[in-house]
Each structure stands twice: as C-alpha cells, then as structure tokens.
Amino acid sequence: MARKTKDDALHTRNQILEAAEQAFYQRGMARTTLADIATLAGVSRGAIYWHFENKAALVQALLDSLHEPFDELAKASENANEINPLGCMRTLLIQVFQQVALDPKTRRINEILFHKCEFIDEMCDLRRQRHANSLDCHLRIELALRNAVNRGQLPAALNTARASRCLHAYIEGTLAQWLLSPEAFDLYKDAECLVDCVLDMLRHSPSLQGQSPVCRQAL
C-alpha cells in the first residue's frame, strides 16, 4: 500500500473539516458525532483521530481558519511601532463584518459558533478553549487600544481594559444579532458605520475614561 504524502494528509484533513462544517451547520454540535462526520467525509473514524483529538479540536480548527486572513492587520494594530493602530483596527473590524456578510463559509462557521453550539458533555473542552481564546482576544484588543492611546488617537484617560470588553461585546453582539436576523439590517453596507459608532464610543464615552472606585473593585 502506497504511503500517504503530506499533500494526501492535508487533503484528508480538509475533507474532514468540510464535512464537520456541513454536519455542525445542519444538525448542531451536540447532535453530530464523529461517526457522522467520518461518513460524510468518506473516511474512517481513525482518520479523524489522526488529525483531531476530539470534536472540540475540530471546531477550534474551523474557527482558526477564520482568523488567518485578518492576522496581518491584527498584528499591525498590536505593534507599538505602527503609526496608525486605530486605523488598522478600523479596517480589520470592517473586513470582519463584510467577510461574514459576503462569504458563505465564514457565515456558516460563525452561525455554528453563535447559534448551534452547546457547551455540554464532550464540548466542555471547547468551552475551555473559547474561554482561553476570549481572554487572549481581550488582551490583544487592549494592546491595540493602548497603542492608539499612545499615538494620540484615543483619549489618554481611556480605561483600555474596560474599553476592550465593550468593544469585544459590541462586535460579537452585532454578529450574533445579524446571523439570527439578517433581514434586520445590511451588515455589508452598514459595516463602516457600525465600526465608526463603536470607535466614537471609545473616543467620547465618559464612562470609559478614568476609573471610578466601583469599577476598580469590579476589575
């Protein structure tokens, strides 16, 4: 029997990911088994375990595939030497919204994450992964915001930790609402305005500047 090449292995991995995306989207995560995915992909369960430890690892691989196109802009906004970190962040967020609106694959994977994901039983591993990813995302957003403050693009008194949580919640909330009711607004056409709204909040909200004793205890 011929030995599989790296290209063969990559092809199999991609087959599995495509089948997982299709199965999760149609049935939800809790109702989808690895056997379902193997059948849909035309591979054995052993092939799945060769590439992925469990269902949670499969989901994480799908989510990781969404981040790759935006890594360059994200890293630019987090770079202390970037002269326009807020501009990089603005472009990144606009592209995130528009990519979800235009690309069917991106939309499906986000819909799986927001509306077809149950953090129960075997998906507890995914919950832990999502928790770690969320913490990392907050830190990366806060780093970009601090760079924007240092460049004079945001107020010097901005509470970057609080602002990071607000920004993250705004982006995820907007995506979740649109995916649930895409007819409610035009995510693609409104992307720039939606992003500028939240950036205006960062610039002008008194509650995001300084740190009151109550907020200090909460943090």
Protein backbone atom coordinates (compact mmCIF):
# COMPACT_ATOMS: atom_id res chain seq x y z
CA MET A 1 0.00 0.00 0.00
CA ALA A 2 1.43 3.37 -1.01
CA ARG A 3 2.49 5.62 1.84
CA LYS A 4 0.45 8.79 2.17
CA THR A 5 2.20 12.05 1.38
CA LYS A 6 1.83 15.34 3.21
CA ASP A 7 -0.46 16.51 0.41
CA ASP A 8 -2.65 13.43 0.90
CA ALA A 9 -2.83 14.08 4.64
CA LEU A 10 -3.71 17.74 4.07
CA HIS A 11 -6.41 16.74 1.60
CA THR A 12 -7.91 14.33 4.12
CA ARG A 13 -7.79 16.96 6.85
CA ASN A 14 -9.61 19.44 4.63
CA GLN A 15 -12.22 16.80 3.73
CA ILE A 16 -12.86 16.24 7.42
CA LEU A 17 -13.16 19.95 8.14
CA GLU A 18 -15.60 20.48 5.28
CA ALA A 19 -17.71 17.55 6.45
CA ALA A 20 -17.65 18.81 10.05
CA GLU A 21 -18.75 22.27 8.95
CA GLN A 22 -21.64 20.80 6.96
CA ALA A 23 -22.72 18.45 9.76
CA PHE A 24 -22.48 21.04 12.53
CA TYR A 25 -24.42 23.55 10.46
CA GLN A 26 -27.21 21.11 9.62
CA ARG A 27 -27.54 19.28 12.95
CA GLY A 28 -25.83 21.40 15.58
CA MET A 29 -22.78 20.30 17.53
CA ALA A 30 -24.47 18.23 20.23
CA ARG A 31 -26.34 16.04 17.72
CA THR A 32 -23.31 15.48 15.48
CA THR A 33 -21.00 12.56 16.21
CA LEU A 34 -17.54 11.88 14.87
CA ALA A 35 -19.04 8.85 13.11
CA ASP A 36 -21.44 11.22 11.30
CA ILE A 37 -18.52 13.36 10.19
CA ALA A 38 -16.47 10.34 9.09
CA THR A 39 -19.34 9.05 6.96
CA LEU A 40 -19.91 12.44 5.38
CA ALA A 41 -16.19 12.87 4.68
CA GLY A 42 -15.79 9.35 3.33
CA VAL A 43 -13.04 8.48 5.83
CA SER A 44 -12.67 6.26 8.88
CA ARG A 45 -13.03 7.49 12.46
CA GLY A 46 -9.36 6.61 12.82
CA ALA A 47 -8.54 9.18 10.14
CA ILE A 48 -10.37 11.82 12.15
CA TYR A 49 -8.46 10.94 15.34
CA TRP A 50 -5.20 11.09 13.38
CA HIS A 51 -5.83 14.77 12.68
CA PHE A 52 -8.03 15.86 15.59
CA GLU A 53 -8.07 14.80 19.22
CA ASN A 54 -11.82 15.23 19.61
CA LYS A 55 -14.86 17.16 18.42
CA ALA A 56 -13.73 20.30 20.24
CA ALA A 57 -10.44 20.27 18.33
CA LEU A 58 -12.37 20.03 15.09
CA VAL A 59 -14.47 23.07 15.98
CA GLN A 60 -11.39 25.02 17.01
CA ALA A 61 -9.74 24.25 13.68
CA LEU A 62 -12.79 25.65 11.88
CA LEU A 63 -12.63 28.82 13.96
CA ASP A 64 -8.88 29.19 13.42
CA SER A 65 -9.43 29.15 9.67
CA LEU A 66 -11.47 32.35 10.00
CA HIS A 67 -8.67 34.29 11.69
CA GLU A 68 -5.94 33.73 9.13
CA PRO A 69 -7.00 36.43 6.60
CA PHE A 70 -7.03 39.07 9.34
CA ASP A 71 -3.80 38.23 11.16
CA GLU A 72 -1.70 40.83 9.36
CA LEU A 73 -3.99 43.72 10.29
CA ALA A 74 -4.42 42.46 13.84
CA LYS A 75 -0.67 42.24 14.35
CA ALA A 76 -0.22 45.72 12.86
CA SER A 77 -2.66 47.27 15.35
CA GLU A 78 -0.84 45.48 18.20
CA ASN A 79 2.60 46.67 17.06
CA ALA A 80 3.91 49.59 19.12
CA ASN A 81 5.75 50.85 16.01
CA GLU A 82 2.57 51.08 13.92
CA ILE A 83 1.82 54.77 13.30
CA ASN A 84 -1.91 54.21 12.74
CA PRO A 85 -3.06 51.41 15.08
CA LEU A 86 -6.64 52.69 15.29
CA GLY A 87 -6.85 52.84 11.50
CA CYS A 88 -5.64 49.24 11.28
CA MET A 89 -8.23 48.19 13.86
CA ARG A 90 -10.99 50.04 11.99
CA THR A 91 -10.08 48.35 8.70
CA LEU A 92 -9.88 44.96 10.43
CA LEU A 93 -13.32 45.27 12.03
CA ILE A 94 -14.94 46.44 8.80
CA GLN A 95 -13.42 43.48 6.97
CA VAL A 96 -14.67 41.08 9.67
CA PHE A 97 -18.25 42.30 9.25
CA GLN A 98 -18.09 42.31 5.47
CA GLN A 99 -16.48 38.88 5.29
CA VAL A 100 -19.29 37.39 7.37
CA ALA A 101 -21.86 39.11 5.15
CA LEU A 102 -20.31 38.07 1.83
CA ASP A 103 -18.59 34.72 2.32
CA PRO A 104 -20.95 31.73 2.84
CA LYS A 105 -18.29 29.63 4.59
CA THR A 106 -17.43 32.38 7.07
CA ARG A 107 -21.11 32.97 7.71
CA ARG A 108 -21.81 29.28 8.34
CA ILE A 109 -18.92 28.86 10.76
CA ASN A 110 -19.96 31.96 12.71
CA GLU A 111 -23.55 30.74 12.79
CA ILE A 112 -22.33 27.42 14.18
CA LEU A 113 -20.39 29.25 16.88
CA PHE A 114 -23.14 31.68 17.89
CA HIS A 115 -26.31 29.63 17.40
CA LYS A 116 -25.54 25.92 17.00
CA CYS A 117 -23.02 25.35 19.77
CA GLU A 118 -23.95 23.73 23.09
CA PHE A 119 -21.24 23.73 25.75
CA ILE A 120 -22.21 20.39 27.30
CA ASP A 121 -20.61 17.00 27.87
CA GLU A 122 -17.84 16.43 25.32
CA MET A 123 -17.97 20.10 24.31
CA CYS A 124 -16.65 21.19 27.69
CA ASP A 125 -13.19 21.12 26.11
CA LEU A 126 -14.43 23.66 23.56
CA ARG A 127 -15.81 25.83 26.36
CA ARG A 128 -12.36 25.90 27.96
CA GLN A 129 -10.78 26.72 24.60
CA ARG A 130 -13.28 29.50 23.95
CA HIS A 131 -12.65 30.90 27.44
CA ALA A 132 -8.89 30.96 26.84
CA ASN A 133 -9.37 32.48 23.38
CA SER A 134 -11.65 35.16 24.81
CA LEU A 135 -9.10 36.16 27.42
CA ASP A 136 -6.40 36.30 24.76
CA CYS A 137 -8.64 38.39 22.50
CA HIS A 138 -9.27 40.90 25.30
CA LEU A 139 -5.54 41.25 25.90
CA ARG A 140 -4.83 41.74 22.19
CA ILE A 141 -7.59 44.33 21.81
CA GLU A 142 -6.35 46.15 24.90
CA LEU A 143 -2.82 46.20 23.49
CA ALA A 144 -4.10 47.75 20.25
CA LEU A 145 -6.10 50.32 22.22
CA ARG A 146 -3.07 51.26 24.30
CA ASN A 147 -1.11 51.76 21.10
CA ALA A 148 -3.88 54.05 19.82
CA VAL A 149 -3.79 56.00 23.10
CA ASN A 150 -0.01 56.36 22.84
CA ARG A 151 -0.42 57.70 19.29
CA GLY A 152 -2.98 60.26 20.43
CA GLN A 153 -5.80 58.57 18.52
CA LEU A 154 -7.82 57.84 21.66
CA PRO A 155 -8.13 59.79 24.95
CA ALA A 156 -5.20 59.49 27.32
CA ALA A 157 -7.63 58.70 30.16
CA LEU A 158 -9.25 55.76 28.32
CA ASN A 159 -9.67 52.72 30.55
CA THR A 160 -8.34 50.26 27.99
CA ALA A 161 -9.34 47.13 29.91
CA ARG A 162 -12.97 48.25 30.15
CA ALA A 163 -12.94 49.56 26.58
CA SER A 164 -11.61 46.21 25.34
CA ARG A 165 -14.52 44.33 26.91
CA CYS A 166 -17.05 46.80 25.50
CA LEU A 167 -15.55 46.60 22.01
CA HIS A 168 -15.41 42.80 22.04
CA ALA A 169 -19.01 42.53 23.25
CA TYR A 170 -20.19 45.03 20.62
CA ILE A 171 -18.59 43.12 17.75
CA GLU A 172 -19.80 39.70 18.88
CA GLY A 173 -23.27 41.05 19.70
CA THR A 174 -23.62 42.69 16.29
CA LEU A 175 -22.61 39.47 14.53
CA ALA A 176 -24.91 37.32 16.67
CA GLN A 177 -27.89 39.61 16.01
CA TRP A 178 -27.29 39.74 12.26
CA LEU A 179 -26.82 35.99 11.96
CA LEU A 180 -30.11 35.47 13.78
CA SER A 181 -32.00 38.09 11.73
CA PRO A 182 -30.00 39.02 8.60
CA GLU A 183 -33.00 40.83 7.15
CA ALA A 184 -32.94 43.33 10.04
CA PHE A 185 -30.04 45.33 8.59
CA ASP A 186 -27.45 45.23 5.81
CA LEU A 187 -24.26 44.12 7.55
CA TYR A 188 -22.11 44.66 4.46
CA LYS A 189 -23.30 48.17 3.63
CA ASP A 190 -23.52 49.23 7.27
CA ALA A 191 -20.11 47.82 8.24
CA GLU A 192 -18.24 51.14 8.20
CA CYS A 193 -20.95 52.98 10.12
CA LEU A 194 -21.23 50.19 12.69
CA VAL A 195 -17.49 50.25 13.31
CA ASP A 196 -17.35 54.05 13.47
CA CYS A 197 -20.16 54.02 16.05
CA VAL A 198 -18.14 51.92 18.47
CA LEU A 199 -14.94 53.89 17.82
CA ASP A 200 -16.86 57.09 18.60
CA MET A 201 -17.90 55.45 21.86
CA LEU A 202 -14.24 54.82 22.70
CA ARG A 203 -13.37 58.44 21.92
CA HIS A 204 -16.22 60.19 23.72
CA SER A 205 -17.79 57.99 26.43
CA PRO A 206 -17.09 59.49 29.90
CA SER A 207 -17.70 56.07 31.46
CA LEU A 208 -14.78 54.62 29.52
CA GLN A 209 -12.38 57.26 30.76
CA GLY A 210 -10.81 57.12 34.17
CA GLN A 211 -11.60 54.52 36.80
CA SER A 212 -14.20 55.03 39.49
CA PRO A 213 -13.86 53.17 42.86
CA VAL A 214 -16.82 50.93 41.96
CA CYS A 215 -15.31 49.98 38.60
CA ARG A 216 -11.93 49.43 40.27
CA GLN A 217 -13.49 46.81 42.56
CA ALA A 218 -15.20 45.14 39.59
CA LEU A 219 -11.91 44.89 37.71
